[in-house]
All heavy atoms as atom14 arrays in JSON, in Angstrom:
{
  "sequence": "TAATVPAGGQAVRVLERAGGQVGRLDYQVCHPCRLGYIDSIAVAA",
  "atom14_mask": [
    [1, 1, 1, 1, 1, 1, 1, 0, 0, 0, 0, 0, 0, 0],
    [1, 1, 1, 1, 1, 0, 0, 0, 0, 0, 0, 0, 0, 0],
    [1, 1, 1, 1, 1, 0, 0, 0, 0, 0, 0, 0, 0, 0],
    [1, 1, 1, 1, 1, 1, 1, 0, 0, 0, 0, 0, 0, 0],
    [1, 1, 1, 1, 1, 1, 1, 0, 0, 0, 0, 0, 0, 0],
    [1, 1, 1, 1, 1, 1, 1, 0, 0, 0, 0, 0, 0, 0],
    [1, 1, 1, 1, 1, 0, 0, 0, 0, 0, 0, 0, 0, 0],
    [1, 1, 1, 1, 0, 0, 0, 0, 0, 0, 0, 0, 0, 0],
    [1, 1, 1, 1, 0, 0, 0, 0, 0, 0, 0, 0, 0, 0],
    [1, 1, 1, 1, 1, 1, 1, 1, 1, 0, 0, 0, 0, 0],
    [1, 1, 1, 1, 1, 0, 0, 0, 0, 0, 0, 0, 0, 0],
    [1, 1, 1, 1, 1, 1, 1, 0, 0, 0, 0, 0, 0, 0],
    [1, 1, 1, 1, 1, 1, 1, 1, 1, 1, 1, 0, 0, 0],
    [1, 1, 1, 1, 1, 1, 1, 0, 0, 0, 0, 0, 0, 0],
    [1, 1, 1, 1, 1, 1, 1, 1, 0, 0, 0, 0, 0, 0],
    [1, 1, 1, 1, 1, 1, 1, 1, 1, 0, 0, 0, 0, 0],
    [1, 1, 1, 1, 1, 1, 1, 1, 1, 1, 1, 0, 0, 0],
    [1, 1, 1, 1, 1, 0, 0, 0, 0, 0, 0, 0, 0, 0],
    [1, 1, 1, 1, 0, 0, 0, 0, 0, 0, 0, 0, 0, 0],
    [1, 1, 1, 1, 0, 0, 0, 0, 0, 0, 0, 0, 0, 0],
    [1, 1, 1, 1, 1, 1, 1, 1, 1, 0, 0, 0, 0, 0],
    [1, 1, 1, 1, 1, 1, 1, 0, 0, 0, 0, 0, 0, 0],
    [1, 1, 1, 1, 0, 0, 0, 0, 0, 0, 0, 0, 0, 0],
    [1, 1, 1, 1, 1, 1, 1, 1, 1, 1, 1, 0, 0, 0],
    [1, 1, 1, 1, 1, 1, 1, 1, 0, 0, 0, 0, 0, 0],
    [1, 1, 1, 1, 1, 1, 1, 1, 0, 0, 0, 0, 0, 0],
    [1, 1, 1, 1, 1, 1, 1, 1, 1, 1, 1, 1, 0, 0],
    [1, 1, 1, 1, 1, 1, 1, 1, 1, 0, 0, 0, 0, 0],
    [1, 1, 1, 1, 1, 1, 1, 0, 0, 0, 0, 0, 0, 0],
    [1, 1, 1, 1, 1, 1, 0, 0, 0, 0, 0, 0, 0, 0],
    [1, 1, 1, 1, 1, 1, 1, 1, 1, 1, 0, 0, 0, 0],
    [1, 1, 1, 1, 1, 1, 1, 0, 0, 0, 0, 0, 0, 0],
    [1, 1, 1, 1, 1, 1, 0, 0, 0, 0, 0, 0, 0, 0],
    [1, 1, 1, 1, 1, 1, 1, 1, 1, 1, 1, 0, 0, 0],
    [1, 1, 1, 1, 1, 1, 1, 1, 0, 0, 0, 0, 0, 0],
    [1, 1, 1, 1, 0, 0, 0, 0, 0, 0, 0, 0, 0, 0],
    [1, 1, 1, 1, 1, 1, 1, 1, 1, 1, 1, 1, 0, 0],
    [1, 1, 1, 1, 1, 1, 1, 1, 0, 0, 0, 0, 0, 0],
    [1, 1, 1, 1, 1, 1, 1, 1, 0, 0, 0, 0, 0, 0],
    [1, 1, 1, 1, 1, 1, 0, 0, 0, 0, 0, 0, 0, 0],
    [1, 1, 1, 1, 1, 1, 1, 1, 0, 0, 0, 0, 0, 0],
    [1, 1, 1, 1, 1, 0, 0, 0, 0, 0, 0, 0, 0, 0],
    [1, 1, 1, 1, 1, 1, 1, 0, 0, 0, 0, 0, 0, 0],
    [1, 1, 1, 1, 1, 0, 0, 0, 0, 0, 0, 0, 0, 0],
    [1, 1, 1, 1, 1, 0, 0, 0, 0, 0, 0, 0, 0, 0]
  ],
  "atom14_positions": [
    [[0.86, -1.18, 0.0], [0.0, 0.0, 0.0], [0.9, 1.23, 0.0], [1.74, 1.37, 0.88], [-0.89, 0.02, 1.26], [-1.62, -1.19, 1.31], [-1.84, 1.19, 1.23], [0.0, 0.0, 0.0], [0.0, 0.0, 0.0], [0.0, 0.0, 0.0], [0.0, 0.0, 0.0], [0.0, 0.0, 0.0], [0.0, 0.0, 0.0], [0.0, 0.0, 0.0]],
    [[0.75, 2.09, -0.97], [1.57, 3.29, -1.08], [1.08, 4.39, -0.14], [-0.09, 4.42, 0.24], [1.57, 3.79, -2.52], [0.0, 0.0, 0.0], [0.0, 0.0, 0.0], [0.0, 0.0, 0.0], [0.0, 0.0, 0.0], [0.0, 0.0, 0.0], [0.0, 0.0, 0.0], [0.0, 0.0, 0.0], [0.0, 0.0, 0.0], [0.0, 0.0, 0.0]],
    [[1.98, 5.3, 0.18], [1.63, 6.45, 1.01], [0.72, 7.38, 0.21], [0.89, 7.55, -0.99], [2.89, 7.2, 1.43], [0.0, 0.0, 0.0], [0.0, 0.0, 0.0], [0.0, 0.0, 0.0], [0.0, 0.0, 0.0], [0.0, 0.0, 0.0], [0.0, 0.0, 0.0], [0.0, 0.0, 0.0], [0.0, 0.0, 0.0], [0.0, 0.0, 0.0]],
    [[-0.25, 7.97, 0.88], [-1.14, 8.91, 0.22], [-0.64, 10.34, 0.33], [-1.12, 11.22, -0.37], [-2.57, 8.82, 0.81], [-2.5, 9.06, 2.21], [-3.17, 7.45, 0.53], [0.0, 0.0, 0.0], [0.0, 0.0, 0.0], [0.0, 0.0, 0.0], [0.0, 0.0, 0.0], [0.0, 0.0, 0.0], [0.0, 0.0, 0.0], [0.0, 0.0, 0.0]],
    [[0.32, 10.57, 1.22], [0.97, 11.87, 1.37], [2.48, 11.62, 1.42], [2.91, 10.53, 1.8], [0.51, 12.62, 2.64], [-0.96, 12.96, 2.57], [0.81, 11.84, 3.9], [0.0, 0.0, 0.0], [0.0, 0.0, 0.0], [0.0, 0.0, 0.0], [0.0, 0.0, 0.0], [0.0, 0.0, 0.0], [0.0, 0.0, 0.0], [0.0, 0.0, 0.0]],
    [[3.3, 12.61, 1.06], [4.75, 12.41, 1.14], [5.17, 11.99, 2.55], [4.71, 12.55, 3.54], [5.32, 13.78, 0.79], [4.25, 14.41, -0.05], [2.95, 13.92, 0.52], [0.0, 0.0, 0.0], [0.0, 0.0, 0.0], [0.0, 0.0, 0.0], [0.0, 0.0, 0.0], [0.0, 0.0, 0.0], [0.0, 0.0, 0.0], [0.0, 0.0, 0.0]],
    [[6.0, 10.97, 2.63], [6.52, 10.42, 3.89], [5.42, 9.83, 4.76], [5.61, 9.6, 5.94], [7.33, 11.45, 4.66], [0.0, 0.0, 0.0], [0.0, 0.0, 0.0], [0.0, 0.0, 0.0], [0.0, 0.0, 0.0], [0.0, 0.0, 0.0], [0.0, 0.0, 0.0], [0.0, 0.0, 0.0], [0.0, 0.0, 0.0], [0.0, 0.0, 0.0]],
    [[4.25, 9.59, 4.2], [3.14, 9.03, 4.96], [3.28, 7.53, 5.17], [4.2, 6.89, 4.67], [0.0, 0.0, 0.0], [0.0, 0.0, 0.0], [0.0, 0.0, 0.0], [0.0, 0.0, 0.0], [0.0, 0.0, 0.0], [0.0, 0.0, 0.0], [0.0, 0.0, 0.0], [0.0, 0.0, 0.0], [0.0, 0.0, 0.0], [0.0, 0.0, 0.0]],
    [[2.34, 6.98, 5.91], [2.37, 5.56, 6.22], [2.15, 4.69, 5.0], [1.4, 5.04, 4.08], [0.0, 0.0, 0.0], [0.0, 0.0, 0.0], [0.0, 0.0, 0.0], [0.0, 0.0, 0.0], [0.0, 0.0, 0.0], [0.0, 0.0, 0.0], [0.0, 0.0, 0.0], [0.0, 0.0, 0.0], [0.0, 0.0, 0.0], [0.0, 0.0, 0.0]],
    [[2.86, 3.58, 4.99], [2.73, 2.57, 3.94], [2.62, 1.22, 4.62], [2.95, 1.08, 5.8], [3.95, 2.58, 3.02], [4.17, 3.89, 2.31], [5.34, 3.82, 1.36], [5.35, 3.0, 0.46], [6.33, 4.68, 1.57], [0.0, 0.0, 0.0], [0.0, 0.0, 0.0], [0.0, 0.0, 0.0], [0.0, 0.0, 0.0], [0.0, 0.0, 0.0]],
    [[2.21, 0.23, 3.87], [2.11, -1.1, 4.45], [2.44, -2.15, 3.4], [2.22, -1.93, 2.21], [0.7, -1.37, 4.99], [0.0, 0.0, 0.0], [0.0, 0.0, 0.0], [0.0, 0.0, 0.0], [0.0, 0.0, 0.0], [0.0, 0.0, 0.0], [0.0, 0.0, 0.0], [0.0, 0.0, 0.0], [0.0, 0.0, 0.0], [0.0, 0.0, 0.0]],
    [[2.98, -3.25, 3.88], [3.09, -4.46, 3.09], [2.19, -5.46, 3.78], [2.4, -5.79, 4.95], [4.54, -5.0, 3.04], [4.59, -6.32, 2.3], [5.47, -3.98, 2.4], [0.0, 0.0, 0.0], [0.0, 0.0, 0.0], [0.0, 0.0, 0.0], [0.0, 0.0, 0.0], [0.0, 0.0, 0.0], [0.0, 0.0, 0.0], [0.0, 0.0, 0.0]],
    [[1.15, -5.88, 3.07], [0.23, -6.88, 3.62], [0.65, -8.25, 3.12], [0.89, -8.44, 1.93], [-1.2, -6.58, 3.18], [-1.74, -5.29, 3.79], [-3.13, -4.95, 3.29], [-4.04, -6.05, 3.54], [-5.0, -6.43, 2.7], [-5.17, -5.82, 1.55], [-5.8, -7.42, 3.0], [0.0, 0.0, 0.0], [0.0, 0.0, 0.0], [0.0, 0.0, 0.0]],
    [[0.73, -9.21, 4.03], [1.06, -10.58, 3.69], [-0.25, -11.35, 3.62], [-0.99, -11.4, 4.6], [2.0, -11.21, 4.74], [2.36, -12.63, 4.36], [3.25, -10.35, 4.93], [0.0, 0.0, 0.0], [0.0, 0.0, 0.0], [0.0, 0.0, 0.0], [0.0, 0.0, 0.0], [0.0, 0.0, 0.0], [0.0, 0.0, 0.0], [0.0, 0.0, 0.0]],
    [[-0.53, -11.9, 2.45], [-1.81, -12.55, 2.22], [-1.63, -14.05, 1.99], [-0.66, -14.48, 1.37], [-2.48, -11.94, 0.99], [-2.64, -10.42, 0.98], [-3.14, -9.94, -0.37], [-3.55, -9.98, 2.1], [0.0, 0.0, 0.0], [0.0, 0.0, 0.0], [0.0, 0.0, 0.0], [0.0, 0.0, 0.0], [0.0, 0.0, 0.0], [0.0, 0.0, 0.0]],
    [[-2.58, -14.82, 2.48], [-2.59, -16.25, 2.17], [-3.2, -16.41, 0.78], [-3.72, -15.47, 0.2], [-3.38, -17.03, 3.22], [-4.86, -16.65, 3.28], [-5.62, -17.44, 4.31], [-5.21, -18.56, 4.64], [-6.64, -16.93, 4.78], [0.0, 0.0, 0.0], [0.0, 0.0, 0.0], [0.0, 0.0, 0.0], [0.0, 0.0, 0.0], [0.0, 0.0, 0.0]],
    [[-3.13, -17.6, 0.23], [-3.62, -17.81, -1.14], [-5.09, -17.45, -1.31], [-5.5, -16.96, -2.36], [-3.42, -19.27, -1.55], [-1.97, -19.56, -1.79], [-1.76, -20.94, -2.28], [-0.32, -21.18, -2.25], [0.25, -22.15, -2.89], [-0.45, -22.99, -3.6], [1.54, -22.29, -2.82], [0.0, 0.0, 0.0], [0.0, 0.0, 0.0], [0.0, 0.0, 0.0]],
    [[-5.89, -17.66, -0.29], [-7.31, -17.33, -0.38], [-7.56, -15.82, -0.26], [-8.68, -15.36, -0.41], [-8.08, -18.07, 0.71], [0.0, 0.0, 0.0], [0.0, 0.0, 0.0], [0.0, 0.0, 0.0], [0.0, 0.0, 0.0], [0.0, 0.0, 0.0], [0.0, 0.0, 0.0], [0.0, 0.0, 0.0], [0.0, 0.0, 0.0], [0.0, 0.0, 0.0]],
    [[-6.5, -15.06, 0.03], [-6.64, -13.61, 0.1], [-6.72, -13.04, 1.5], [-6.71, -11.83, 1.66], [0.0, 0.0, 0.0], [0.0, 0.0, 0.0], [0.0, 0.0, 0.0], [0.0, 0.0, 0.0], [0.0, 0.0, 0.0], [0.0, 0.0, 0.0], [0.0, 0.0, 0.0], [0.0, 0.0, 0.0], [0.0, 0.0, 0.0], [0.0, 0.0, 0.0]],
    [[-6.81, -13.88, 2.51], [-6.86, -13.38, 3.88], [-5.49, -12.88, 4.34], [-4.46, -13.42, 3.97], [0.0, 0.0, 0.0], [0.0, 0.0, 0.0], [0.0, 0.0, 0.0], [0.0, 0.0, 0.0], [0.0, 0.0, 0.0], [0.0, 0.0, 0.0], [0.0, 0.0, 0.0], [0.0, 0.0, 0.0], [0.0, 0.0, 0.0], [0.0, 0.0, 0.0]],
    [[-5.5, -11.83, 5.14], [-4.26, -11.25, 5.64], [-3.72, -12.07, 6.8], [-4.43, -12.33, 7.77], [-4.51, -9.8, 6.07], [-3.25, -9.07, 6.5], [-3.48, -7.6, 6.67], [-3.92, -6.93, 5.75], [-3.2, -7.08, 7.85], [0.0, 0.0, 0.0], [0.0, 0.0, 0.0], [0.0, 0.0, 0.0], [0.0, 0.0, 0.0], [0.0, 0.0, 0.0]],
    [[-2.43, -12.44, 6.71], [-1.78, -13.2, 7.78], [-0.59, -12.46, 8.37], [0.02, -12.93, 9.33], [-1.34, -14.61, 7.29], [-2.56, -15.42, 6.87], [-0.33, -14.52, 6.17], [0.0, 0.0, 0.0], [0.0, 0.0, 0.0], [0.0, 0.0, 0.0], [0.0, 0.0, 0.0], [0.0, 0.0, 0.0], [0.0, 0.0, 0.0], [0.0, 0.0, 0.0]],
    [[-0.28, -11.31, 7.81], [0.82, -10.52, 8.33], [0.79, -9.12, 7.76], [0.06, -8.84, 6.8], [0.0, 0.0, 0.0], [0.0, 0.0, 0.0], [0.0, 0.0, 0.0], [0.0, 0.0, 0.0], [0.0, 0.0, 0.0], [0.0, 0.0, 0.0], [0.0, 0.0, 0.0], [0.0, 0.0, 0.0], [0.0, 0.0, 0.0], [0.0, 0.0, 0.0]],
    [[1.58, -8.25, 8.4], [1.6, -6.86, 7.94], [2.84, -6.16, 8.46], [3.27, -6.39, 9.59], [0.35, -6.15, 8.43], [0.24, -4.72, 7.94], [-1.14, -4.22, 8.19], [-1.17, -2.77, 8.08], [-2.24, -2.1, 7.74], [-3.37, -2.73, 7.51], [-2.21, -0.79, 7.66], [0.0, 0.0, 0.0], [0.0, 0.0, 0.0], [0.0, 0.0, 0.0]],
    [[3.39, -5.3, 7.62], [4.51, -4.44, 7.97], [4.06, -3.01, 7.73], [3.65, -2.67, 6.62], [5.72, -4.77, 7.08], [6.88, -3.78, 7.08], [7.63, -3.84, 8.4], [7.83, -4.09, 5.94], [0.0, 0.0, 0.0], [0.0, 0.0, 0.0], [0.0, 0.0, 0.0], [0.0, 0.0, 0.0], [0.0, 0.0, 0.0], [0.0, 0.0, 0.0]],
    [[4.08, -2.17, 8.76], [3.74, -0.75, 8.63], [5.03, 0.04, 8.7], [5.85, -0.17, 9.61], [2.81, -0.31, 9.75], [1.37, -0.76, 9.53], [1.03, -1.14, 8.4], [0.6, -0.74, 10.51], [0.0, 0.0, 0.0], [0.0, 0.0, 0.0], [0.0, 0.0, 0.0], [0.0, 0.0, 0.0], [0.0, 0.0, 0.0], [0.0, 0.0, 0.0]],
    [[5.21, 0.97, 7.75], [6.45, 1.73, 7.69], [6.24, 3.07, 7.01], [5.19, 3.33, 6.46], [7.53, 0.92, 6.96], [7.25, 0.68, 5.49], [7.95, 1.4, 4.51], [6.31, -0.24, 5.05], [7.7, 1.19, 3.16], [6.07, -0.46, 3.71], [6.76, 0.26, 2.77], [6.53, 0.06, 1.44], [0.0, 0.0, 0.0], [0.0, 0.0, 0.0]],
    [[7.28, 3.91, 7.09], [7.29, 5.2, 6.41], [8.62, 5.33, 5.68], [9.64, 4.82, 6.15], [7.18, 6.37, 7.41], [5.83, 6.55, 8.03], [5.86, 7.7, 9.01], [6.31, 7.51, 10.14], [5.41, 8.87, 8.59], [0.0, 0.0, 0.0], [0.0, 0.0, 0.0], [0.0, 0.0, 0.0], [0.0, 0.0, 0.0], [0.0, 0.0, 0.0]],
    [[8.61, 6.06, 4.57], [9.82, 6.36, 3.81], [9.78, 7.82, 3.43], [8.76, 8.32, 2.96], [9.9, 5.49, 2.54], [11.05, 5.94, 1.66], [10.05, 4.02, 2.89], [0.0, 0.0, 0.0], [0.0, 0.0, 0.0], [0.0, 0.0, 0.0], [0.0, 0.0, 0.0], [0.0, 0.0, 0.0], [0.0, 0.0, 0.0], [0.0, 0.0, 0.0]],
    [[10.89, 8.52, 3.63], [11.03, 9.9, 3.16], [12.14, 9.9, 2.12], [13.32, 9.71, 2.46], [11.36, 10.85, 4.31], [11.51, 12.57, 3.73], [0.0, 0.0, 0.0], [0.0, 0.0, 0.0], [0.0, 0.0, 0.0], [0.0, 0.0, 0.0], [0.0, 0.0, 0.0], [0.0, 0.0, 0.0], [0.0, 0.0, 0.0], [0.0, 0.0, 0.0]],
    [[11.77, 10.09, 0.87], [12.75, 10.06, -0.21], [13.7, 11.26, -0.16], [14.91, 11.07, -0.33], [12.06, 9.93, -1.56], [11.32, 8.63, -1.69], [11.94, 7.4, -1.72], [9.99, 8.37, -1.75], [11.04, 6.44, -1.81], [9.84, 7.0, -1.83], [0.0, 0.0, 0.0], [0.0, 0.0, 0.0], [0.0, 0.0, 0.0], [0.0, 0.0, 0.0]],
    [[13.24, 12.51, 0.1], [14.19, 13.62, 0.16], [15.25, 13.44, 1.26], [16.41, 13.78, 1.06], [13.31, 14.85, 0.45], [11.96, 14.48, -0.05], [11.84, 12.99, 0.18], [0.0, 0.0, 0.0], [0.0, 0.0, 0.0], [0.0, 0.0, 0.0], [0.0, 0.0, 0.0], [0.0, 0.0, 0.0], [0.0, 0.0, 0.0], [0.0, 0.0, 0.0]],
    [[14.86, 12.87, 2.39], [15.79, 12.67, 3.51], [16.48, 11.31, 3.46], [17.38, 11.05, 4.27], [15.05, 12.83, 4.84], [14.39, 14.49, 5.09], [0.0, 0.0, 0.0], [0.0, 0.0, 0.0], [0.0, 0.0, 0.0], [0.0, 0.0, 0.0], [0.0, 0.0, 0.0], [0.0, 0.0, 0.0], [0.0, 0.0, 0.0], [0.0, 0.0, 0.0]],
    [[16.02, 10.43, 2.57], [16.58, 9.09, 2.41], [16.53, 8.3, 3.73], [17.48, 7.66, 4.13], [17.99, 9.14, 1.83], [18.0, 9.82, 0.45], [19.35, 9.83, -0.21], [19.87, 8.51, -0.52], [19.51, 7.78, -1.57], [18.6, 8.22, -2.4], [20.06, 6.6, -1.79], [0.0, 0.0, 0.0], [0.0, 0.0, 0.0], [0.0, 0.0, 0.0]],
    [[15.36, 8.36, 4.38], [15.14, 7.66, 5.64], [13.96, 6.7, 5.51], [12.98, 7.0, 4.84], [14.82, 8.65, 6.77], [15.94, 9.54, 7.27], [15.39, 10.52, 8.31], [17.06, 8.71, 7.86], [0.0, 0.0, 0.0], [0.0, 0.0, 0.0], [0.0, 0.0, 0.0], [0.0, 0.0, 0.0], [0.0, 0.0, 0.0], [0.0, 0.0, 0.0]],
    [[14.07, 5.58, 6.21], [12.98, 4.64, 6.32], [12.75, 4.32, 7.79], [13.71, 4.28, 8.57], [0.0, 0.0, 0.0], [0.0, 0.0, 0.0], [0.0, 0.0, 0.0], [0.0, 0.0, 0.0], [0.0, 0.0, 0.0], [0.0, 0.0, 0.0], [0.0, 0.0, 0.0], [0.0, 0.0, 0.0], [0.0, 0.0, 0.0], [0.0, 0.0, 0.0]],
    [[11.51, 4.1, 8.16], [11.16, 3.82, 9.56], [10.13, 2.69, 9.59], [9.06, 2.8, 8.98], [10.58, 5.08, 10.2], [9.95, 4.84, 11.55], [10.74, 4.62, 12.68], [8.58, 4.82, 11.7], [10.17, 4.4, 13.91], [7.99, 4.6, 12.94], [8.79, 4.38, 14.03], [8.23, 4.16, 15.26], [0.0, 0.0, 0.0], [0.0, 0.0, 0.0]],
    [[10.46, 1.6, 10.26], [9.52, 0.49, 10.42], [8.8, 0.67, 11.75], [9.43, 0.62, 12.81], [10.24, -0.87, 10.35], [10.83, -1.06, 8.95], [9.27, -2.0, 10.71], [11.63, -2.33, 8.77], [0.0, 0.0, 0.0], [0.0, 0.0, 0.0], [0.0, 0.0, 0.0], [0.0, 0.0, 0.0], [0.0, 0.0, 0.0], [0.0, 0.0, 0.0]],
    [[7.5, 0.9, 11.66], [6.7, 1.09, 12.87], [6.37, -0.23, 13.53], [6.5, -0.38, 14.74], [5.41, 1.85, 12.54], [4.57, 2.08, 13.78], [5.11, 2.63, 14.76], [3.39, 1.69, 13.78], [0.0, 0.0, 0.0], [0.0, 0.0, 0.0], [0.0, 0.0, 0.0], [0.0, 0.0, 0.0], [0.0, 0.0, 0.0], [0.0, 0.0, 0.0]],
    [[5.94, -1.2, 12.76], [5.59, -2.5, 13.34], [5.55, -3.56, 12.26], [5.31, -3.27, 11.09], [4.26, -2.42, 14.08], [3.25, -1.93, 13.22], [0.0, 0.0, 0.0], [0.0, 0.0, 0.0], [0.0, 0.0, 0.0], [0.0, 0.0, 0.0], [0.0, 0.0, 0.0], [0.0, 0.0, 0.0], [0.0, 0.0, 0.0], [0.0, 0.0, 0.0]],
    [[5.78, -4.79, 12.69], [5.71, -5.94, 11.8], [5.15, -7.09, 12.61], [5.5, -7.27, 13.78], [7.08, -6.29, 11.19], [6.96, -7.49, 10.23], [8.13, -6.51, 12.25], [8.23, -7.76, 9.42], [0.0, 0.0, 0.0], [0.0, 0.0, 0.0], [0.0, 0.0, 0.0], [0.0, 0.0, 0.0], [0.0, 0.0, 0.0], [0.0, 0.0, 0.0]],
    [[4.25, -7.82, 12.01], [3.64, -8.96, 12.7], [3.23, -10.01, 11.68], [2.82, -9.67, 10.56], [2.43, -8.51, 13.51], [0.0, 0.0, 0.0], [0.0, 0.0, 0.0], [0.0, 0.0, 0.0], [0.0, 0.0, 0.0], [0.0, 0.0, 0.0], [0.0, 0.0, 0.0], [0.0, 0.0, 0.0], [0.0, 0.0, 0.0], [0.0, 0.0, 0.0]],
    [[3.36, -11.26, 12.07], [2.89, -12.39, 11.27], [2.11, -13.29, 12.23], [2.58, -13.57, 13.34], [4.08, -13.16, 10.64], [3.6, -14.41, 9.93], [4.85, -12.26, 9.67], [0.0, 0.0, 0.0], [0.0, 0.0, 0.0], [0.0, 0.0, 0.0], [0.0, 0.0, 0.0], [0.0, 0.0, 0.0], [0.0, 0.0, 0.0], [0.0, 0.0, 0.0]],
    [[0.95, -13.72, 11.81], [0.12, -14.6, 12.65], [0.95, -15.82, 13.07], [1.74, -16.35, 12.28], [-1.13, -15.03, 11.88], [0.0, 0.0, 0.0], [0.0, 0.0, 0.0], [0.0, 0.0, 0.0], [0.0, 0.0, 0.0], [0.0, 0.0, 0.0], [0.0, 0.0, 0.0], [0.0, 0.0, 0.0], [0.0, 0.0, 0.0], [0.0, 0.0, 0.0]],
    [[0.76, -16.26, 14.29], [1.59, -17.32, 14.9], [1.71, -18.55, 14.01], [2.82, -19.07, 13.82], [1.04, -17.69, 16.26], [0.0, 0.0, 0.0], [0.0, 0.0, 0.0], [0.0, 0.0, 0.0], [0.0, 0.0, 0.0], [0.0, 0.0, 0.0], [0.0, 0.0, 0.0], [0.0, 0.0, 0.0], [0.0, 0.0, 0.0], [0.0, 0.0, 0.0]]
  ]
}
């Protein structure tokens, strides 16, 4: 999921084959400052 504003929140959703979400990584990237920040990451047990 791309950020809707510069340096805004983004996500990588981990999906099972049926399409259900089993994990997620929430992060931000600022291209002008060349910084990345991982807020949280989780995968179902």
